[in-house]
Amino acid sequence: MIRFNSGIFFSRFLTNPKKLFWFYIFMNLIPSICLMFTEPFTFTGKMALLIFPAGLYLILFSLKKNTGAMQLFLLPLLVFHAFQLVLFYLFGEAVIAVDMFLNVATTNVSEAGELLDNLWPAIVAVCLLYIPTIAIAVITCKRKIQLPASYRKKAVVIGGVLLLLSFGLTFVARNKNTGHFTVCEDVYPANVIYNLGFAINKWHNSQRYPDTSKDFSFKAEKRDYAPLREIYVIVVGEASRAENWQLYGYSRPTNPKLSREPGLILYEDAITQSNTTHKSVPLILSAASAEDYSVIYSQKSMLNAFKEAGFTTVFLSNQIPNRSFTDFYAEEADFHHNIRTPKDGGLITINNFDEAMLPLMQHYIDSLPGNLFFVLHTYGSHFNYKERYPASFSIFKPDNATGVKAENRQQLINAYDNSILYTDDFLHRTIGILRNTSATSALFYTSDHGEDLLDDKRKRFLHSSPNPTFYQLRIPVFMWFSDNYRTAFPKKVQNAADNSTKPVATNAAFHTLLDAASITTPYLDTDLSLVAPKFKTVKRMYLNDHDKPIFFYHAGLKKADREMIEKRGMQH
């Protein structure tokens, strides 16, 4: 009987430069191999996914005699590999996108902690893969295990041939989502490096916003006035999807209060123009849209338009400041508060519920004279869902899932539905405050984007994936008008109702609110106003990862998504 001696095998492995050479190449190729099975490419495109990085790694690991030293030099690349594999666990597909880097830049310790606590299987897996790889690299580097020069030369030649072949394949390869194929956008790890550069440049441009927009003016004026003071409110939800709203036909009573709210105008076919918060919220609060996103760097938000028209503006947020456009917009308000503050001056934030904004809203209504405009930026249904509502709203049970996995789906859905139930109560109370003022008032609600909840065999979860899903796109949108508003502006209310069955996107928010408040500006497009008689049904666009407008139906949706769109009778 032959006995296997692991010690001897490992020792021989660590002293064999050729085996180490191919070991490092294979470990770096793992994400590329996975992408071959997930990306929507033609056969030639899938071949390029493997051949390009194989050629690249052959050359890179031939540049130094000690391949362990090269692996340590390429440690940042291993971090990308780990990140990529976690994305596979989370989304089942896609490469590290521009928005992924920006999501990291705009997140906080509390959010990251809540997510990481539930991604431990993926984190353990990547640690088991790459920590031993790093350890082996350190050992072989110290031992100065060297690859023969002749072997390195051959590897460089082979690598060069593979690179040339991969470039040739790009001319006949095709990305089925975009219709084209390039190395910098489609082939890992080149696309990750490209996306990182794109993200850095975009972040730099966004941080210059206070300077690039400082001289901008909407030239806004208020034309029509109601007999009483006017109060307008936009509530921006977080990760709330229409599928789990009772108002949209969901089987559970998640909207018991809003469903009894008289005069609520629900928009049945509404989508977001972005599935990530750092883009979707600015698209809601500004005149920018997927079709002309670049104006976001030079134009101010709707808060400034209301200010120019004589309104006192208030921005209340239950989200942590993250140096995004949303923060810049908040600073444009006359008064702004972020109630999710650091706990004891540390990095972890206090978990306030959205209702903590309501006393502040009431305070400003009571203490400020004249016309008011409010932005309420909620934390809504942001993961971890269990943390988004008080214990009294734990109605659907069990709701204490401890990990993101298929067997916990019902618990995750229960917690998510409880967060929608709480949102229902919050919105009902917000409307109640407006109703009790006797002011001429209107409220516009929209979620920033939807959410995946392990809905089908793809097992997609959360949002912000490079390719959206039906569940991330379809969102709840509604308007509410006070009795005094209905008396003062009956035609606008009737128009809002008449437009309720038309296809809507989040770029309607800016134009609808300004039009509802009778504010005129050269930047107002009444074709996009839900309170205008000529609201137009147009092809709805989605802002992709590289900030290009794409018809939402062609934004990487799969068969399962298209089936749901058909099932819900959405226009496309």
Protein backbone atom coordinates (compact mmCIF):
# COMPACT_ATOMS: atom_id res chain seq x y z
CA MET A 1 0.00 0.00 0.00
CA ILE A 2 1.27 3.45 -1.00
CA ARG A 3 0.88 6.00 1.74
CA PHE A 4 0.38 9.70 0.97
CA ASN A 5 2.66 11.92 2.99
CA SER A 6 1.20 15.42 2.87
CA GLY A 7 4.30 16.93 4.47
CA ILE A 8 6.64 15.60 1.81
CA PHE A 9 4.19 16.59 -0.95
CA PHE A 10 3.87 20.13 0.36
CA SER A 11 7.61 20.46 0.81
CA ARG A 12 8.24 19.35 -2.77
CA PHE A 13 5.56 21.69 -4.00
CA LEU A 14 7.15 24.65 -2.21
CA THR A 15 10.52 23.94 -3.73
CA ASN A 16 9.30 23.37 -7.30
CA PRO A 17 9.36 26.72 -9.15
CA LYS A 18 7.40 25.41 -12.16
CA LYS A 19 4.55 24.06 -10.03
CA LEU A 20 4.45 27.32 -8.08
CA PHE A 21 4.37 29.27 -11.34
CA TRP A 22 1.27 27.45 -12.57
CA PHE A 23 -0.30 27.49 -9.12
CA TYR A 24 -0.20 31.29 -8.98
CA ILE A 25 -1.57 31.58 -12.51
CA PHE A 26 -4.47 29.24 -11.70
CA MET A 27 -5.35 31.06 -8.47
CA ASN A 28 -5.48 34.34 -10.36
CA LEU A 29 -7.57 32.79 -13.13
CA ILE A 30 -10.38 31.60 -10.82
CA PRO A 31 -12.56 34.75 -11.24
CA SER A 32 -12.08 34.65 -15.03
CA ILE A 33 -13.12 30.99 -15.15
CA CYS A 34 -16.26 31.83 -13.17
CA LEU A 35 -17.06 34.77 -15.47
CA MET A 36 -17.03 32.42 -18.47
CA PHE A 37 -20.17 30.80 -17.04
CA THR A 38 -21.96 33.99 -16.00
CA GLU A 39 -21.34 36.74 -18.56
CA PRO A 40 -23.74 37.27 -21.51
CA PHE A 41 -21.05 36.89 -24.18
CA THR A 42 -20.81 34.95 -27.40
CA PHE A 43 -18.49 31.92 -27.48
CA THR A 44 -15.61 34.00 -28.81
CA GLY A 45 -16.18 36.51 -26.03
CA LYS A 46 -16.04 33.77 -23.40
CA MET A 47 -12.77 32.54 -24.92
CA ALA A 48 -11.34 36.05 -24.70
CA LEU A 49 -12.33 36.11 -21.01
CA LEU A 50 -9.94 33.22 -20.39
CA ILE A 51 -7.22 33.75 -22.99
CA PHE A 52 -6.50 37.40 -22.23
CA PRO A 53 -5.85 37.01 -18.47
CA ALA A 54 -3.99 33.73 -19.07
CA GLY A 55 -1.61 35.53 -21.44
CA LEU A 56 -1.32 38.47 -19.06
CA TYR A 57 -0.47 36.30 -16.05
CA LEU A 58 2.01 34.21 -18.03
CA ILE A 59 3.94 37.38 -18.84
CA LEU A 60 3.63 38.94 -15.39
CA PHE A 61 4.82 35.86 -13.50
CA SER A 62 7.74 35.54 -15.90
CA LEU A 63 9.06 39.01 -15.16
CA LYS A 64 10.68 37.94 -11.87
CA LYS A 65 12.78 34.95 -11.07
CA ASN A 66 10.87 34.46 -7.84
CA THR A 67 7.18 34.04 -8.69
CA GLY A 68 6.26 34.38 -5.00
CA ALA A 69 7.65 37.90 -5.02
CA MET A 70 5.51 38.71 -8.07
CA GLN A 71 2.40 37.33 -6.35
CA LEU A 72 3.07 39.61 -3.37
CA PHE A 73 3.52 42.52 -5.75
CA LEU A 74 0.14 41.62 -7.26
CA LEU A 75 -1.55 41.58 -3.85
CA PRO A 76 -4.00 44.37 -4.87
CA LEU A 77 -5.11 42.11 -7.71
CA LEU A 78 -5.90 39.36 -5.21
CA VAL A 79 -8.09 41.85 -3.37
CA PHE A 80 -9.98 42.46 -6.61
CA HIS A 81 -10.31 38.69 -7.06
CA ALA A 82 -11.77 38.33 -3.58
CA PHE A 83 -14.17 41.22 -4.17
CA GLN A 84 -15.23 39.66 -7.47
CA LEU A 85 -15.96 36.27 -5.90
CA VAL A 86 -18.06 37.90 -3.18
CA LEU A 87 -20.05 39.59 -5.96
CA PHE A 88 -20.69 36.17 -7.48
CA TYR A 89 -22.11 35.07 -4.16
CA LEU A 90 -24.25 38.18 -3.91
CA PHE A 91 -25.41 38.69 -7.51
CA GLY A 92 -24.55 35.45 -9.30
CA GLU A 93 -22.91 37.39 -12.14
CA ALA A 94 -21.18 40.58 -13.25
CA VAL A 95 -17.80 42.18 -12.77
CA ILE A 96 -16.71 44.80 -10.23
CA ALA A 97 -18.42 47.83 -11.66
CA VAL A 98 -17.86 51.57 -11.41
CA ASP A 99 -20.80 51.84 -9.06
CA MET A 100 -19.30 49.16 -6.82
CA PHE A 101 -16.24 51.30 -6.20
CA LEU A 102 -18.42 54.36 -5.59
CA ASN A 103 -20.67 52.36 -3.28
CA VAL A 104 -17.60 51.52 -1.21
CA ALA A 105 -16.63 55.21 -1.18
CA THR A 106 -20.09 56.32 -0.06
CA THR A 107 -20.88 53.60 2.48
CA ASN A 108 -20.14 53.72 6.20
CA VAL A 109 -19.00 51.39 8.91
CA SER A 110 -22.52 50.62 10.14
CA GLU A 111 -23.83 49.73 6.68
CA ALA A 112 -20.74 47.72 5.84
CA GLY A 113 -20.93 45.86 9.13
CA GLU A 114 -24.59 44.91 8.63
CA LEU A 115 -23.81 43.57 5.16
CA LEU A 116 -20.60 41.74 6.02
CA ASP A 117 -22.26 40.02 8.95
CA ASN A 118 -24.56 38.34 6.44
CA LEU A 119 -21.97 37.53 3.78
CA TRP A 120 -19.76 35.40 5.97
CA PRO A 121 -19.93 32.23 3.78
CA ALA A 122 -18.47 34.14 0.82
CA ILE A 123 -15.91 35.90 3.00
CA VAL A 124 -14.78 32.58 4.50
CA ALA A 125 -14.50 31.08 1.01
CA VAL A 126 -12.27 33.85 -0.37
CA CYS A 127 -10.12 33.75 2.77
CA LEU A 128 -9.62 30.00 2.32
CA LEU A 129 -8.58 30.64 -1.28
CA TYR A 130 -6.29 33.61 -1.02
CA ILE A 131 -4.80 33.70 2.48
CA PRO A 132 -2.97 30.38 1.84
CA THR A 133 -1.92 31.77 -1.55
CA ILE A 134 -0.35 34.79 0.14
CA ALA A 135 1.27 32.56 2.78
CA ILE A 136 2.81 30.34 0.09
CA ALA A 137 4.07 33.44 -1.73
CA VAL A 138 5.75 34.71 1.45
CA ILE A 139 7.41 31.34 2.10
CA THR A 140 8.68 30.91 -1.46
CA CYS A 141 9.83 34.52 -1.54
CA LYS A 142 11.92 34.02 1.60
CA ARG A 143 13.34 30.77 0.24
CA LYS A 144 14.20 32.53 -3.03
CA ILE A 145 12.75 29.78 -5.20
CA GLN A 146 13.68 30.83 -8.74
CA LEU A 147 12.13 29.96 -12.10
CA PRO A 148 14.71 29.04 -14.80
CA ALA A 149 15.36 31.81 -17.35
CA SER A 150 14.64 29.51 -20.31
CA TYR A 151 11.22 28.62 -18.86
CA ARG A 152 10.42 32.27 -18.31
CA LYS A 153 11.28 33.18 -21.90
CA LYS A 154 9.00 30.45 -23.25
CA ALA A 155 6.19 31.61 -20.97
CA VAL A 156 6.57 35.21 -22.19
CA VAL A 157 6.31 34.08 -25.82
CA ILE A 158 3.24 31.97 -25.12
CA GLY A 159 1.69 34.80 -23.12
CA GLY A 160 2.30 37.25 -25.94
CA VAL A 161 0.67 34.90 -28.46
CA LEU A 162 -2.37 34.51 -26.18
CA LEU A 163 -2.70 38.28 -25.78
CA LEU A 164 -2.60 38.79 -29.54
CA LEU A 165 -5.17 36.03 -29.99
CA SER A 166 -7.45 37.59 -27.38
CA PHE A 167 -7.28 40.99 -29.12
CA GLY A 168 -8.20 39.26 -32.36
CA LEU A 169 -11.18 37.61 -30.70
CA THR A 170 -12.54 41.00 -29.59
CA PHE A 171 -13.34 41.84 -33.23
CA VAL A 172 -15.74 38.91 -33.54
CA ALA A 173 -16.92 38.71 -29.92
CA ARG A 174 -20.09 40.38 -28.68
CA ASN A 175 -21.63 41.33 -25.36
CA LYS A 176 -25.30 40.37 -25.77
CA ASN A 177 -26.39 43.19 -23.44
CA THR A 178 -24.52 46.07 -25.07
CA GLY A 179 -24.07 44.77 -28.62
CA HIS A 180 -20.32 45.40 -28.64
CA PHE A 181 -17.17 43.97 -27.03
CA THR A 182 -13.96 45.62 -25.86
CA VAL A 183 -11.13 44.53 -23.58
CA CYS A 184 -11.35 47.60 -21.33
CA GLU A 185 -15.09 47.20 -20.67
CA ASP A 186 -15.68 43.45 -20.92
CA VAL A 187 -12.54 41.45 -20.08
CA TYR A 188 -11.47 40.86 -16.48
CA PRO A 189 -9.20 42.16 -14.92
CA ALA A 190 -8.67 44.93 -17.52
CA ASN A 191 -12.26 46.11 -17.07
CA VAL A 192 -11.84 46.36 -13.29
CA ILE A 193 -8.81 48.62 -13.70
CA TYR A 194 -10.73 50.69 -16.26
CA ASN A 195 -13.75 50.89 -13.94
CA LEU A 196 -11.56 51.97 -11.04
CA GLY A 197 -10.12 54.80 -13.12
CA PHE A 198 -13.62 55.79 -14.27
CA ALA A 199 -14.84 55.82 -10.66
CA ILE A 200 -11.91 57.93 -9.44
CA ASN A 201 -12.49 60.49 -12.20
CA LYS A 202 -16.23 60.56 -11.50
CA TRP A 203 -15.64 60.99 -7.76
CA HIS A 204 -13.24 63.85 -8.47
CA ASN A 205 -15.81 65.58 -10.66
CA SER A 206 -18.54 65.14 -8.06
CA GLN A 207 -16.36 66.65 -5.32
CA ARG A 208 -15.91 69.73 -7.52
CA TYR A 209 -19.69 70.20 -7.70
CA PRO A 210 -19.80 73.16 -5.25
CA ASP A 211 -17.45 75.05 -7.60
CA THR A 212 -18.83 73.92 -10.95
CA SER A 213 -22.41 74.76 -9.94
CA LYS A 214 -21.90 77.86 -7.78
CA ASP A 215 -22.99 80.34 -10.46
CA PHE A 216 -26.00 78.34 -11.62
CA SER A 217 -29.53 79.70 -11.33
CA PHE A 218 -32.85 78.15 -12.31
CA LYS A 219 -34.28 81.63 -12.79
CA ALA A 220 -37.29 80.16 -11.00
CA GLU A 221 -40.43 82.13 -10.29
CA LYS A 222 -43.70 81.30 -8.60
CA ARG A 223 -46.64 82.20 -10.82
CA ASP A 224 -49.79 81.02 -9.06
CA TYR A 225 -50.51 81.27 -5.33
CA ALA A 226 -53.05 79.46 -3.17
CA PRO A 227 -55.11 81.41 -0.63
CA LEU A 228 -53.29 79.64 2.22
CA ARG A 229 -49.59 78.90 2.80
CA GLU A 230 -48.20 76.11 0.68
CA ILE A 231 -46.16 73.12 1.84
CA TYR A 232 -44.64 70.58 -0.54
CA VAL A 233 -42.89 67.39 0.52
CA ILE A 234 -40.89 64.80 -1.36
CA VAL A 235 -40.17 61.58 0.51
CA VAL A 236 -37.35 59.52 -0.97
CA GLY A 237 -37.61 55.87 0.02
CA GLU A 238 -34.74 53.42 0.25
CA ALA A 239 -34.69 50.00 -1.45
CA SER A 240 -38.47 49.76 -1.49
CA ARG A 241 -39.81 47.60 -4.33
CA ALA A 242 -43.36 47.70 -5.63
CA GLU A 243 -43.71 43.91 -5.53
CA ASN A 244 -44.00 43.90 -1.75
CA TRP A 245 -46.49 46.76 -1.49
CA GLN A 246 -50.07 45.82 -0.81
CA LEU A 247 -51.10 48.81 -2.96
CA TYR A 248 -49.50 47.06 -5.94
CA GLY A 249 -51.31 43.78 -5.41
CA TYR A 250 -49.03 42.07 -2.90
CA SER A 251 -50.87 39.37 -0.96
CA ARG A 252 -49.70 40.55 2.46
CA PRO A 253 -51.22 43.62 4.18
CA THR A 254 -48.06 45.72 4.08
CA ASN A 255 -49.93 48.99 3.42
CA PRO A 256 -52.90 48.84 5.81
CA LYS A 257 -52.91 52.61 6.42
CA LEU A 258 -52.05 53.96 2.98
CA SER A 259 -54.63 51.65 1.42
CA ARG A 260 -57.27 53.52 3.45
CA GLU A 261 -55.83 56.94 2.67
CA PRO A 262 -58.40 58.88 0.62
CA GLY A 263 -57.23 60.58 -2.53
CA LEU A 264 -53.93 58.74 -2.85
CA ILE A 265 -52.85 58.62 -6.51
CA LEU A 266 -50.73 55.55 -7.22
CA TYR A 267 -48.55 55.26 -10.32
CA GLU A 268 -48.91 51.67 -11.41
CA ASP A 269 -45.99 51.44 -13.83
CA ALA A 270 -43.00 53.23 -12.33
CA ILE A 271 -39.28 52.47 -12.59
CA THR A 272 -36.06 53.95 -11.31
CA GLN A 273 -33.40 55.30 -13.63
CA SER A 274 -30.64 53.84 -11.47
CA ASN A 275 -30.41 50.92 -9.05
CA THR A 276 -27.83 52.55 -6.80
CA THR A 277 -28.49 55.26 -4.22
CA HIS A 278 -25.58 57.59 -5.03
CA LYS A 279 -26.99 58.05 -8.56
CA SER A 280 -30.73 57.52 -8.14
CA VAL A 281 -31.30 60.12 -5.41
CA PRO A 282 -29.55 62.94 -7.31
CA LEU A 283 -31.56 61.97 -10.40
CA ILE A 284 -34.73 62.38 -8.31
CA LEU A 285 -33.73 65.68 -6.73
CA SER A 286 -32.37 67.42 -9.83
CA ALA A 287 -33.29 68.15 -13.44
CA ALA A 288 -30.71 65.58 -14.59
CA SER A 289 -31.89 62.33 -16.10
CA ALA A 290 -30.33 59.23 -17.58
CA GLU A 291 -30.55 60.93 -20.97
CA ASP A 292 -28.48 63.97 -19.92
CA TYR A 293 -26.73 62.93 -16.74
CA SER A 294 -23.71 65.19 -17.31
CA VAL A 295 -25.71 68.31 -16.35
CA ILE A 296 -25.63 67.08 -12.76
CA TYR A 297 -22.14 68.57 -12.38
CA SER A 298 -23.22 72.09 -13.31
CA GLN A 299 -26.86 72.42 -12.18
CA LYS A 300 -28.19 72.67 -8.64
CA SER A 301 -31.01 70.67 -7.07
CA MET A 302 -34.75 71.30 -6.85
CA LEU A 303 -34.15 72.74 -3.36
CA ASN A 304 -32.46 75.71 -4.99
CA ALA A 305 -35.35 76.11 -7.45
CA PHE A 306 -37.83 76.25 -4.56
CA LYS A 307 -35.57 78.74 -2.73
CA GLU A 308 -35.44 80.99 -5.78
CA ALA A 309 -39.25 80.88 -5.87
CA GLY A 310 -39.52 82.16 -2.29
CA PHE A 311 -39.87 78.89 -0.36
CA THR A 312 -38.03 78.08 2.84
CA THR A 313 -36.39 74.71 2.25
CA VAL A 314 -35.69 71.92 4.75
CA PHE A 315 -33.71 68.73 4.15
CA LEU A 316 -34.13 65.95 6.72
CA SER A 317 -32.21 62.72 6.36
CA ASN A 318 -31.96 59.42 8.18
CA GLN A 319 -28.92 58.49 6.13
CA ILE A 320 -25.31 59.12 6.99
CA PRO A 321 -23.46 61.90 5.12
CA ASN A 322 -21.14 60.35 2.55
CA ARG A 323 -19.85 63.30 0.45
CA SER A 324 -22.14 62.43 -2.45
CA PHE A 325 -24.38 64.73 -4.48
CA THR A 326 -27.14 64.11 -1.93
CA ASP A 327 -25.03 65.77 0.75
CA PHE A 328 -24.32 68.74 -1.49
CA TYR A 329 -28.04 69.08 -2.15
CA ALA A 330 -28.79 68.94 1.56
CA GLU A 331 -26.41 71.85 2.12
CA GLU A 332 -28.37 73.90 -0.44
CA ALA A 333 -31.39 73.84 1.89
CA ASP A 334 -32.04 76.64 4.37
CA PHE A 335 -32.12 74.03 7.14
CA HIS A 336 -30.80 70.47 7.03
CA HIS A 337 -30.41 67.70 9.58
CA ASN A 338 -28.87 64.24 9.43
CA ILE A 339 -30.39 62.36 12.33
CA ARG A 340 -28.27 59.21 11.85
CA THR A 341 -25.32 60.48 13.84
CA PRO A 342 -22.17 58.69 15.06
CA LYS A 343 -22.60 56.83 18.33
CA ASP A 344 -20.40 58.23 21.10
CA GLY A 345 -18.34 60.05 18.49
CA GLY A 346 -17.22 56.77 16.90
CA LEU A 347 -17.66 55.16 13.49
CA ILE A 348 -20.84 53.21 14.33
CA THR A 349 -24.03 55.24 13.92
CA ILE A 350 -27.13 55.44 16.06
CA ASN A 351 -29.89 53.34 14.52
CA ASN A 352 -32.68 55.90 14.46
CA PHE A 353 -35.93 54.94 12.80
CA ASP A 354 -37.38 57.16 10.09
CA GLU A 355 -40.07 58.50 12.42
CA ALA A 356 -37.38 60.53 14.20
CA MET A 357 -37.62 63.01 11.31
CA LEU A 358 -41.29 63.77 11.96
CA PRO A 359 -40.91 65.92 15.12
CA LEU A 360 -38.37 68.01 13.22
CA MET A 361 -40.78 68.38 10.33
CA GLN A 362 -43.53 69.44 12.72
CA HIS A 363 -41.14 71.90 14.40
CA TYR A 364 -40.32 73.67 11.16
CA ILE A 365 -43.95 73.81 10.09
CA ASP A 366 -44.87 75.39 13.43
CA SER A 367 -41.93 77.79 13.67
CA LEU A 368 -41.40 78.96 10.09
CA PRO A 369 -43.84 81.28 8.35
CA GLY A 370 -44.63 81.26 4.66
CA ASN A 371 -44.28 78.54 2.04
CA LEU A 372 -42.17 75.48 2.82
CA PHE A 373 -40.48 72.71 0.84
CA PHE A 374 -39.31 69.51 2.58
CA VAL A 375 -37.08 66.68 1.45
CA LEU A 376 -37.32 63.59 3.70
CA HIS A 377 -34.60 61.09 2.85
CA THR A 378 -35.51 57.88 4.62
CA TYR A 379 -33.57 54.71 5.48
CA GLY A 380 -36.68 52.75 4.48
CA SER A 381 -35.86 49.14 3.67
CA HIS A 382 -32.09 49.28 3.56
CA PHE A 383 -30.45 45.99 4.54
CA ASN A 384 -30.27 44.76 7.33
CA TYR A 385 -34.08 44.91 7.19
CA LYS A 386 -34.54 43.77 10.78
CA GLU A 387 -32.88 46.99 11.95
CA ARG A 388 -35.22 49.31 10.04
CA TYR A 389 -38.33 49.05 12.22
CA PRO A 390 -39.29 49.02 15.93
CA ALA A 391 -40.16 45.73 17.62
CA SER A 392 -43.86 46.65 17.50
CA PHE A 393 -43.76 46.27 13.70
CA SER A 394 -42.36 42.73 13.84
CA ILE A 395 -45.63 41.32 12.52
CA PHE A 396 -44.42 38.85 9.90
CA LYS A 397 -42.36 36.21 11.71
CA PRO A 398 -39.79 34.77 12.01
CA ASP A 399 -37.77 37.78 10.89
CA ASN A 400 -34.35 37.14 12.44
CA ALA A 401 -32.35 35.65 9.58
CA THR A 402 -28.64 35.49 10.36
CA GLY A 403 -27.27 34.91 6.88
CA VAL A 404 -28.02 35.66 3.24
CA LYS A 405 -28.82 32.24 1.84
CA ALA A 406 -31.68 30.52 0.10
CA GLU A 407 -32.86 28.60 3.16
CA ASN A 408 -33.29 31.91 5.02
CA ARG A 409 -35.34 33.52 2.25
CA GLN A 410 -38.67 33.51 4.08
CA GLN A 411 -37.13 35.10 7.17
CA LEU A 412 -35.51 37.77 5.00
CA ILE A 413 -38.83 38.44 3.26
CA ASN A 414 -40.60 38.63 6.61
CA ALA A 415 -38.13 41.25 7.83
CA TYR A 416 -38.36 43.12 4.54
CA ASP A 417 -42.16 43.12 4.63
CA ASN A 418 -42.05 44.45 8.19
CA SER A 419 -39.89 47.33 6.94
CA ILE A 420 -42.54 48.10 4.28
CA LEU A 421 -45.22 47.95 6.97
CA TYR A 422 -43.25 50.49 8.98
CA THR A 423 -42.80 52.69 5.91
CA ASP A 424 -46.57 52.59 5.48
CA ASP A 425 -47.01 53.91 9.01
CA PHE A 426 -44.31 56.56 8.53
CA LEU A 427 -45.91 57.86 5.33
CA HIS A 428 -49.36 57.82 6.92
CA ARG A 429 -48.05 59.94 9.81
CA THR A 430 -46.28 62.31 7.41
CA ILE A 431 -49.52 62.84 5.51
CA GLY A 432 -51.29 63.33 8.85
CA ILE A 433 -48.95 66.18 9.75
CA LEU A 434 -49.70 67.88 6.44
CA ARG A 435 -53.44 67.31 6.78
CA ASN A 436 -53.48 68.84 10.26
CA THR A 437 -51.80 72.06 9.13
CA SER A 438 -54.76 73.16 7.01
CA ALA A 439 -52.14 74.34 4.48
CA THR A 440 -52.27 73.87 0.74
CA SER A 441 -50.01 70.87 0.57
CA ALA A 442 -48.86 68.02 -1.65
CA LEU A 443 -46.62 65.01 -1.10
CA PHE A 444 -44.63 63.02 -3.66
CA TYR A 445 -43.22 59.63 -2.68
CA THR A 446 -40.74 57.59 -4.68
CA SER A 447 -38.27 54.91 -3.75
CA ASP A 448 -34.72 55.38 -5.00
CA HIS A 449 -34.66 51.82 -6.36
CA GLY A 450 -35.99 48.36 -5.66
CA GLU A 451 -34.42 45.23 -4.18
CA ASP A 452 -33.70 41.59 -5.00
CA LEU A 453 -34.86 39.05 -2.42
CA LEU A 454 -33.61 35.72 -3.78
CA ASP A 455 -36.69 35.77 -5.99
CA ASP A 456 -35.83 33.12 -8.57
CA LYS A 457 -33.21 30.54 -9.47
CA ARG A 458 -30.62 33.27 -9.96
CA LYS A 459 -30.69 33.90 -6.18
CA ARG A 460 -30.01 37.62 -6.62
CA PHE A 461 -29.97 39.73 -3.46
CA LEU A 462 -29.90 43.45 -2.60
CA HIS A 463 -29.41 46.09 -5.34
CA SER A 464 -26.64 48.05 -7.12
CA SER A 465 -25.74 45.12 -9.33
CA PRO A 466 -24.10 46.12 -12.65
CA ASN A 467 -27.09 44.59 -14.45
CA PRO A 468 -30.42 45.47 -12.84
CA THR A 469 -33.37 43.14 -12.42
CA PHE A 470 -37.11 43.69 -12.64
CA TYR A 471 -37.24 43.77 -8.84
CA GLN A 472 -34.58 46.48 -8.64
CA LEU A 473 -36.25 48.57 -11.32
CA ARG A 474 -39.96 48.57 -10.43
CA ILE A 475 -40.65 50.93 -7.55
CA PRO A 476 -43.63 52.45 -5.73
CA VAL A 477 -44.52 56.04 -6.65
CA PHE A 478 -47.54 57.99 -5.42
CA MET A 479 -48.85 61.50 -4.83
CA TRP A 480 -51.13 62.91 -2.15
CA PHE A 481 -52.91 66.26 -2.16
CA SER A 482 -54.59 68.06 0.72
CA ASP A 483 -58.20 69.18 0.44
CA ASN A 484 -57.06 72.79 0.17
CA TYR A 485 -54.72 71.90 -2.66
CA ARG A 486 -57.54 70.09 -4.45
CA THR A 487 -59.68 73.22 -4.11
CA ALA A 488 -56.95 75.60 -5.25
CA PHE A 489 -55.56 73.51 -8.14
CA PRO A 490 -58.24 71.02 -9.20
CA LYS A 491 -56.94 70.66 -12.76
CA LYS A 492 -53.49 69.62 -11.53
CA VAL A 493 -55.00 66.99 -9.26
CA GLN A 494 -57.12 65.69 -12.12
CA ASN A 495 -54.07 65.55 -14.39
CA ALA A 496 -52.15 63.61 -11.75
CA ALA A 497 -54.98 61.07 -11.61
CA ASP A 498 -55.31 60.87 -15.40
CA ASN A 499 -51.58 60.11 -15.69
CA SER A 500 -51.62 57.36 -13.04
CA THR A 501 -51.71 54.51 -15.55
CA LYS A 502 -48.96 55.91 -17.80
CA PRO A 503 -45.37 54.65 -17.63
CA VAL A 504 -43.30 56.76 -15.23
CA ALA A 505 -39.60 57.03 -14.35
CA THR A 506 -37.92 58.79 -11.43
CA ASN A 507 -36.84 61.72 -13.64
CA ALA A 508 -40.47 62.90 -13.39
CA ALA A 509 -40.00 63.95 -9.74
CA PHE A 510 -38.24 67.28 -10.37
CA HIS A 511 -40.66 68.47 -13.03
CA THR A 512 -43.76 67.23 -11.19
CA LEU A 513 -42.95 68.98 -7.92
CA LEU A 514 -42.04 72.30 -9.51
CA ASP A 515 -45.16 72.20 -11.65
CA ALA A 516 -47.31 71.22 -8.64
CA ALA A 517 -45.95 74.27 -6.78
CA SER A 518 -46.62 76.52 -9.82
CA ILE A 519 -42.93 77.29 -10.19
CA THR A 520 -41.73 78.19 -13.66
CA THR A 521 -38.16 77.90 -14.90
CA PRO A 522 -36.53 77.34 -18.30
CA TYR A 523 -35.47 73.94 -16.91
CA LEU A 524 -39.04 72.77 -16.29
CA ASP A 525 -40.26 70.23 -18.83
CA THR A 526 -44.02 69.81 -18.49
CA ASP A 527 -43.84 66.74 -20.73
CA LEU A 528 -42.33 65.08 -17.65
CA SER A 529 -44.75 66.56 -15.13
CA LEU A 530 -47.38 64.21 -13.75
CA VAL A 531 -49.64 67.17 -12.90
CA ALA A 532 -49.54 68.49 -16.47
CA PRO A 533 -52.17 67.62 -19.09
CA LYS A 534 -49.56 66.79 -21.69
CA PHE A 535 -47.41 64.35 -19.71
CA LYS A 536 -45.87 62.23 -22.45
CA THR A 537 -45.35 58.53 -22.64
CA VAL A 538 -41.74 58.15 -23.73
CA LYS A 539 -39.19 55.37 -23.89
CA ARG A 540 -37.84 55.05 -20.36
CA MET A 541 -34.09 55.03 -20.02
CA TYR A 542 -31.75 53.50 -17.46
CA LEU A 543 -28.38 54.99 -16.48
CA ASN A 544 -25.84 52.19 -16.82
CA ASP A 545 -22.59 51.66 -14.97
CA HIS A 546 -20.64 53.95 -17.33
CA ASP A 547 -23.32 56.66 -17.12
CA LYS A 548 -24.75 55.90 -20.55
CA PRO A 549 -28.53 55.95 -21.12
CA ILE A 550 -29.92 52.56 -22.13
CA PHE A 551 -33.54 51.60 -22.78
CA PHE A 552 -34.43 49.91 -19.50
CA TYR A 553 -35.70 46.78 -21.26
CA HIS A 554 -32.21 46.29 -22.74
CA ALA A 555 -30.26 47.07 -19.56
CA GLY A 556 -29.11 43.50 -18.98
CA LEU A 557 -32.51 42.10 -18.06
CA LYS A 558 -32.87 38.33 -18.27
CA LYS A 559 -35.77 36.14 -19.36
CA ALA A 560 -37.13 35.99 -15.80
CA ASP A 561 -37.16 39.79 -15.61
CA ARG A 562 -38.94 40.18 -18.94
CA GLU A 563 -41.52 37.63 -17.88
CA MET A 564 -42.28 39.67 -14.76
CA ILE A 565 -42.54 42.87 -16.83
CA GLU A 566 -45.10 41.17 -19.05
CA LYS A 567 -46.91 39.71 -16.05
CA ARG A 568 -47.26 43.15 -14.45
CA GLY A 569 -48.39 44.73 -17.70
CA MET A 570 -45.57 47.27 -17.77
CA GLN A 571 -45.00 49.21 -20.95
CA HIS A 572 -41.75 48.56 -22.80
